[in-house]
Amino acid sequence: MSFQRARSEEQREIRRRAILDTAAAMLDEMPVAEVSLNELSRRAGLAKSALLRYFESREAVLLELLDASLLTWLVELSDELAAGVDERLTAEQRANQLAEVLSRSLAARPVLCDLFGAQTAVLEHNITLAVALRHKHASMDALATMTDLVRRHLPELDDGAQMFCLHALILAGALSAYCPPPAVVLDAYEADPSLPRLSPDLRYALHQGLHAALLGTLPRL
């Protein structure tokens, strides 16, 4: 595909959307760390200099994808929590159900987890103040939305709900790097059976961590 320069705001938005869609398709094939500006511009049918008219860097593209993916997930999470948490149960039982819904939902979205994992260490570098401000406002709005959702189903968390939500997203990003481990590590396990296999299932590991965090955050009744 080859693009001509956009002449209107509507055309510019179409170009931006096409670049984001291309980056999203790449993330279905490869981890965040392997997405390069050169390959993104090639697949989008743009010279790198042309792509940089729409996004200042690779990181800016991926941060916008993260923000959009997070909003989409939260809309779906609202329905998943409504179906998966029984308000008639005790706080401890609802905490287990909440951990189950969150772990299942996040594990089903490995790209989102990968973006979480790269957010602070990689993506929030090589960006301008304007991009950082936009992203941080979007992140805080999303965190507030998630906090409201969690508190709706487990009001006993009270002021601890926001910190739990932040920890949940950080945990999802961190665990996604280990579940599954890189191919060469799997080869190492095969080559040396004495090595302990530290390759937990992402959904199981998330559930264990989130459930423990919820029980630790709930007030002692």
Protein backbone atom coordinates (compact mmCIF):
# COMPACT_ATOMS: atom_id res chain seq x y z
CA MET A 1 0.00 0.00 0.00
CA SER A 2 1.26 3.49 -0.83
CA PHE A 3 -0.19 6.63 0.73
CA GLN A 4 -0.24 10.16 -0.62
CA ARG A 5 0.18 12.95 1.87
CA ALA A 6 -3.03 13.64 3.78
CA ARG A 7 -4.53 17.03 2.97
CA SER A 8 -7.25 17.24 5.62
CA GLU A 9 -7.71 16.35 9.28
CA GLU A 10 -10.03 13.54 8.24
CA GLN A 11 -7.37 12.11 5.93
CA ARG A 12 -4.75 12.45 8.64
CA GLU A 13 -6.94 10.52 11.04
CA ILE A 14 -7.41 7.77 8.46
CA ARG A 15 -3.62 7.55 8.08
CA ARG A 16 -3.13 7.41 11.84
CA ARG A 17 -5.73 4.69 12.16
CA ALA A 18 -4.06 2.67 9.41
CA ILE A 19 -0.69 2.90 11.18
CA LEU A 20 -2.24 1.81 14.48
CA ASP A 21 -4.04 -1.09 12.79
CA THR A 22 -0.77 -2.17 11.18
CA ALA A 23 1.03 -2.06 14.53
CA ALA A 24 -1.79 -4.06 16.15
CA ALA A 25 -1.47 -6.72 13.43
CA MET A 26 2.27 -6.92 14.04
CA LEU A 27 1.68 -7.50 17.76
CA ASP A 28 -0.42 -10.53 16.87
CA GLU A 29 2.72 -11.98 15.28
CA MET A 30 5.55 -10.79 17.51
CA PRO A 31 6.26 -9.40 21.00
CA VAL A 32 6.48 -5.66 21.65
CA ALA A 33 10.30 -5.85 21.76
CA GLU A 34 10.44 -6.98 18.11
CA VAL A 35 8.22 -4.25 16.66
CA SER A 36 10.54 -1.84 14.85
CA LEU A 37 9.82 1.48 13.20
CA ASN A 38 11.40 0.26 9.97
CA GLU A 39 9.13 -2.79 9.74
CA LEU A 40 6.08 -0.79 10.79
CA SER A 41 6.67 1.79 8.07
CA ARG A 42 7.28 -0.95 5.49
CA ARG A 43 4.06 -2.77 6.34
CA ALA A 44 2.09 0.48 6.43
CA GLY A 45 3.40 1.39 2.99
CA LEU A 46 5.03 4.59 4.22
CA ALA A 47 8.54 5.95 4.27
CA LYS A 48 9.80 6.24 7.84
CA SER A 49 9.93 10.03 7.47
CA ALA A 50 6.26 10.02 6.41
CA LEU A 51 5.21 7.81 9.33
CA LEU A 52 6.96 10.19 11.72
CA ARG A 53 4.59 12.94 10.61
CA TYR A 54 1.82 11.04 12.38
CA PHE A 55 3.67 9.51 15.33
CA GLU A 56 6.92 10.84 16.75
CA SER A 57 8.34 7.38 17.53
CA ARG A 58 7.66 3.67 17.73
CA GLU A 59 6.95 4.13 21.42
CA ALA A 60 4.29 6.75 20.72
CA VAL A 61 2.48 4.32 18.41
CA LEU A 62 2.56 1.52 20.96
CA LEU A 63 1.46 3.75 23.84
CA GLU A 64 -1.58 4.85 21.87
CA LEU A 65 -2.34 1.19 21.14
CA LEU A 66 -2.01 0.42 24.84
CA ASP A 67 -4.42 3.19 25.79
CA ALA A 68 -6.99 2.10 23.19
CA SER A 69 -6.67 -1.60 24.06
CA LEU A 70 -7.06 -0.86 27.76
CA LEU A 71 -10.31 1.03 27.17
CA THR A 72 -11.69 -1.79 25.03
CA TRP A 73 -10.76 -4.34 27.69
CA LEU A 74 -12.43 -2.37 30.47
CA VAL A 75 -15.71 -2.27 28.56
CA GLU A 76 -15.57 -6.06 28.17
CA LEU A 77 -14.40 -6.53 31.77
CA SER A 78 -17.51 -4.79 33.05
CA ASP A 79 -19.70 -7.47 31.51
CA GLU A 80 -17.36 -10.28 32.60
CA LEU A 81 -17.44 -9.14 36.21
CA ALA A 82 -21.20 -8.74 36.19
CA ALA A 83 -21.54 -12.33 35.00
CA GLY A 84 -18.77 -13.82 37.13
CA VAL A 85 -19.15 -12.27 40.60
CA ASP A 86 -22.15 -13.22 42.75
CA GLU A 87 -23.08 -10.29 44.98
CA ARG A 88 -24.81 -12.63 47.45
CA LEU A 89 -21.55 -14.28 48.52
CA THR A 90 -19.18 -13.27 51.29
CA ALA A 91 -16.34 -10.84 50.67
CA GLU A 92 -13.77 -13.65 50.63
CA GLN A 93 -15.81 -15.67 48.13
CA ARG A 94 -16.32 -12.65 45.90
CA ALA A 95 -12.58 -11.93 46.11
CA ASN A 96 -11.89 -15.39 44.71
CA GLN A 97 -14.43 -14.88 41.92
CA LEU A 98 -12.98 -11.46 41.14
CA ALA A 99 -9.47 -12.91 40.92
CA GLU A 100 -10.77 -15.66 38.64
CA VAL A 101 -12.50 -13.23 36.27
CA LEU A 102 -9.51 -10.88 36.12
CA SER A 103 -6.97 -13.67 35.60
CA ARG A 104 -9.07 -15.31 32.87
CA SER A 105 -9.71 -11.99 31.15
CA LEU A 106 -6.10 -10.82 31.19
CA ALA A 107 -4.65 -14.19 30.20
CA ALA A 108 -6.91 -14.15 27.15
CA ARG A 109 -5.26 -10.87 26.08
CA PRO A 110 -1.51 -11.59 25.88
CA VAL A 111 -0.82 -8.55 23.70
CA LEU A 112 -2.33 -6.24 26.31
CA CYS A 113 -0.25 -7.93 29.02
CA ASP A 114 2.89 -7.57 26.88
CA LEU A 115 2.17 -3.85 26.45
CA PHE A 116 1.71 -3.49 30.21
CA GLY A 117 5.07 -5.17 30.74
CA ALA A 118 6.84 -2.77 28.37
CA GLN A 119 5.02 0.37 29.49
CA THR A 120 7.41 1.88 32.03
CA ALA A 121 10.67 0.17 31.12
CA VAL A 122 10.46 0.78 27.35
CA LEU A 123 7.46 2.63 25.98
CA GLU A 124 7.58 5.66 28.27
CA HIS A 125 11.03 6.52 26.87
CA ASN A 126 11.79 8.27 23.57
CA ILE A 127 8.60 10.33 23.73
CA THR A 128 7.92 14.05 24.07
CA LEU A 129 6.22 15.77 26.97
CA ALA A 130 3.02 16.10 24.93
CA VAL A 131 2.81 12.35 24.32
CA ALA A 132 3.67 11.59 27.95
CA LEU A 133 0.91 13.92 29.19
CA ARG A 134 -1.69 12.43 26.85
CA HIS A 135 -0.74 8.89 27.81
CA LYS A 136 -0.67 9.54 31.55
CA HIS A 137 -4.08 11.23 31.49
CA ALA A 138 -5.46 8.25 29.55
CA SER A 139 -3.82 5.81 31.98
CA MET A 140 -5.22 7.55 35.05
CA ASP A 141 -8.72 7.66 33.53
CA ALA A 142 -8.49 3.93 32.78
CA LEU A 143 -7.23 3.17 36.29
CA ALA A 144 -10.15 5.11 37.76
CA THR A 145 -12.59 3.14 35.60
CA MET A 146 -11.06 -0.18 36.64
CA THR A 147 -11.08 0.89 40.30
CA ASP A 148 -14.79 1.71 40.10
CA LEU A 149 -15.50 -1.68 38.51
CA VAL A 150 -13.59 -3.59 41.19
CA ARG A 151 -15.08 -1.57 44.03
CA ARG A 152 -18.57 -2.16 42.65
CA HIS A 153 -18.17 -5.91 43.11
CA LEU A 154 -15.99 -5.82 46.20
CA PRO A 155 -16.83 -2.58 48.06
CA GLU A 156 -15.06 -3.90 51.14
CA LEU A 157 -11.76 -2.97 49.48
CA ASP A 158 -12.65 0.71 49.90
CA ASP A 159 -9.52 2.86 49.48
CA GLY A 160 -7.40 -0.20 48.70
CA ALA A 161 -9.18 -0.80 45.39
CA GLN A 162 -7.04 1.59 43.34
CA MET A 163 -3.73 0.17 44.55
CA PHE A 164 -4.98 -3.37 43.94
CA CYS A 165 -5.90 -2.46 40.35
CA LEU A 166 -2.50 -0.90 39.74
CA HIS A 167 -0.77 -3.99 41.15
CA ALA A 168 -2.98 -6.24 39.00
CA LEU A 169 -1.87 -4.52 35.79
CA ILE A 170 1.79 -4.54 36.84
CA LEU A 171 1.56 -8.24 37.73
CA ALA A 172 -0.05 -9.06 34.38
CA GLY A 173 2.78 -7.32 32.56
CA ALA A 174 5.51 -8.95 34.63
CA LEU A 175 4.11 -12.48 34.46
CA SER A 176 3.51 -12.31 30.71
CA ALA A 177 7.30 -12.28 30.23
CA TYR A 178 7.55 -15.67 31.96
CA CYS A 179 4.43 -17.41 30.64
CA PRO A 180 5.60 -18.99 28.46
CA PRO A 181 9.37 -18.43 28.70
CA PRO A 182 11.44 -17.77 25.54
CA ALA A 183 12.06 -20.69 23.19
CA VAL A 184 15.74 -20.91 24.11
CA VAL A 185 14.83 -21.33 27.80
CA LEU A 186 12.44 -24.14 26.91
CA ASP A 187 15.31 -25.72 24.98
CA ALA A 188 17.48 -25.39 28.08
CA TYR A 189 14.87 -27.24 30.14
CA GLU A 190 14.90 -30.04 27.58
CA ALA A 191 18.69 -30.14 27.48
CA ASP A 192 19.04 -30.30 31.26
CA PRO A 193 16.11 -32.04 33.00
CA SER A 194 17.61 -31.17 36.41
CA LEU A 195 16.66 -27.51 35.90
CA PRO A 196 13.43 -26.56 37.70
CA ARG A 197 10.79 -25.54 35.14
CA LEU A 198 9.76 -22.01 36.11
CA SER A 199 7.11 -21.67 33.42
CA PRO A 200 3.70 -21.35 35.09
CA ASP A 201 0.46 -21.01 33.20
CA LEU A 202 -0.35 -17.29 32.95
CA ARG A 203 -3.97 -17.60 34.01
CA TYR A 204 -3.09 -19.79 37.01
CA ALA A 205 -0.21 -17.56 38.08
CA LEU A 206 -2.36 -14.44 37.78
CA HIS A 207 -5.16 -16.00 39.79
CA GLN A 208 -2.80 -16.98 42.58
CA GLY A 209 -1.24 -13.54 42.75
CA LEU A 210 -4.47 -11.56 42.44
CA HIS A 211 -6.32 -13.69 44.96
CA ALA A 212 -3.53 -13.28 47.51
CA ALA A 213 -3.44 -9.53 46.89
CA LEU A 214 -7.20 -9.21 47.36
CA LEU A 215 -7.23 -11.19 50.59
CA GLY A 216 -4.34 -9.12 51.87
CA THR A 217 -6.12 -5.87 50.98
CA LEU A 218 -9.50 -6.74 52.45
CA PRO A 219 -10.00 -5.29 55.93
CA ARG A 220 -10.06 -7.78 58.76
CA LEU A 221 -13.74 -8.11 59.65
